[in-house]
C-alpha atoms as a PDB file:
ATOM      1  CA  MET A   1       8.514  -1.706  -5.257  1.00  0.00           C
ATOM      2  CA  ILE A   2       5.835  -4.458  -5.455  1.00  0.00           C
ATOM      3  CA  THR A   3       7.644  -7.651  -7.439  1.00  0.00           C
ATOM      4  CA  LYS A   4       7.334  -9.659 -10.076  1.00  0.00           C
ATOM      5  CA  GLU A   5       7.251 -13.035  -7.909  1.00  0.00           C
ATOM      6  CA  GLN A   6       4.202 -11.561  -5.369  1.00  0.00           C
ATOM      7  CA  ILE A   7       2.094 -10.664  -7.881  1.00  0.00           C
ATOM      8  CA  LYS A   8       2.804 -14.128  -9.473  1.00  0.00           C
ATOM      9  CA  ASN A   9       1.816 -15.346  -6.076  1.00  0.00           C
ATOM     10  CA  THR A  10      -1.209 -12.789  -6.063  1.00  0.00           C
ATOM     11  CA  LEU A  11      -2.430 -14.176  -9.039  1.00  0.00           C
ATOM     12  CA  ASP A  12      -2.547 -17.765  -7.927  1.00  0.00           C
ATOM     13  CA  CYS A  13      -4.387 -17.068  -5.073  1.00  0.00           C
ATOM     14  CA  LEU A  14      -7.511 -15.182  -6.384  1.00  0.00           C
ATOM     15  CA  PRO A  15     -10.126 -16.236  -7.781  1.00  0.00           C
ATOM     16  CA  GLU A  16     -10.300 -17.562 -11.208  1.00  0.00           C
ATOM     17  CA  ASN A  17     -13.295 -15.257 -11.821  1.00  0.00           C
ATOM     18  CA  VAL A  18     -11.895 -11.975 -10.586  1.00  0.00           C
ATOM     19  CA  SER A  19     -12.099  -8.954 -13.295  1.00  0.00           C
ATOM     20  CA  ILE A  20      -8.876  -7.601 -14.151  1.00  0.00           C
ATOM     21  CA  GLU A  21     -10.251  -4.371 -11.837  1.00  0.00           C
ATOM     22  CA  GLN A  22     -10.138  -6.235  -9.287  1.00  0.00           C
ATOM     23  CA  VAL A  23      -6.566  -7.605 -10.132  1.00  0.00           C
ATOM     24  CA  ILE A  24      -5.135  -3.938 -10.114  1.00  0.00           C
ATOM     25  CA  GLU A  25      -6.878  -2.385  -7.109  1.00  0.00           C
ATOM     26  CA  HIS A  26      -5.156  -5.681  -5.607  1.00  0.00           C
ATOM     27  CA  LEU A  27      -2.164  -5.114  -6.774  1.00  0.00           C
ATOM     28  CA  ILE A  28      -2.442  -0.712  -5.748  1.00  0.00           C
ATOM     29  CA  PHE A  29      -3.474  -2.052  -3.070  1.00  0.00           C
ATOM     30  CA  LEU A  30      -0.250  -4.127  -2.122  1.00  0.00           C
ATOM     31  CA  ASP A  31       1.954  -1.844  -3.964  1.00  0.00           C
ATOM     32  CA  LYS A  32       0.518   0.435  -1.362  1.00  0.00           C
ATOM     33  CA  VAL A  33       1.271  -1.148   1.676  1.00  0.00           C
ATOM     34  CA  GLN A  34       4.616  -2.692   0.454  1.00  0.00           C
ATOM     35  CA  LYS A  35       5.779   1.070   0.593  1.00  0.00           C
ATOM     36  CA  GLY A  36       4.105   1.956   3.938  1.00  0.00           C
ATOM     37  CA  ILE A  37       6.699  -0.949   5.009  1.00  0.00           C
ATOM     38  CA  ASP A  38       9.979   0.187   3.232  1.00  0.00           C
ATOM     39  CA  ASP A  39       9.027   3.774   4.708  1.00  0.00           C
ATOM     40  CA  SER A  40       8.581   2.282   8.168  1.00  0.00           C
ATOM     41  CA  GLU A  41      11.252   1.068   8.232  1.00  0.00           C
ATOM     42  CA  ASN A  42      13.585   3.207   6.710  1.00  0.00           C
ATOM     43  CA  GLY A  43      12.325   5.943   9.607  1.00  0.00           C
ATOM     44  CA  ARG A  44      10.616   7.739   6.630  1.00  0.00           C
ATOM     45  CA  THR A  45       7.433   8.226   9.739  1.00  0.00           C
ATOM     46  CA  ASN A  46       5.710  10.247  11.437  1.00  0.00           C
ATOM     47  CA  SER A  47       5.272  11.183  15.240  1.00  0.00           C
ATOM     48  CA  VAL A  48       1.610  11.328  16.586  1.00  0.00           C
ATOM     49  CA  GLU A  49       2.705  15.016  17.048  1.00  0.00           C
ATOM     50  CA  GLU A  50       3.802  15.609  13.465  1.00  0.00           C
ATOM     51  CA  ALA A  51       0.693  13.998  12.321  1.00  0.00           C
ATOM     52  CA  LYS A  52      -1.769  16.495  14.214  1.00  0.00           C
ATOM     53  CA  GLN A  53      -0.161  19.283  12.839  1.00  0.00           C
ATOM     54  CA  LYS A  54       0.234  18.160   9.274  1.00  0.00           C
ATOM     55  CA  LEU A  55      -3.731  17.159   9.581  1.00  0.00           C
ATOM     56  CA  ASN A  56      -4.177  20.657  11.206  1.00  0.00           C
ATOM     57  CA  LYS A  57      -3.919  22.259   8.179  1.00  0.00           C
ATOM     58  CA  TRP A  58      -6.754  20.106   6.398  1.00  0.00           C
ATOM     59  CA  LEU A  59      -8.619  19.966   9.341  1.00  0.00           C
ATOM     60  CA  LYS A  60      -9.000  24.276   9.563  1.00  0.00           C
END
């Protein structure tokens, strides 16, 4: 989960003329990156072989 402090820091780094849509997209991106990091740190990942098996279901 993205924290309030991370949101504040993000807003401070964005240009002055940024649109609300760009802010929202950026925050969603940061939240997804953080979730990926959390998953990785907590062992919620797939091996290459597991990923291939899952992708085969979609690519057939």
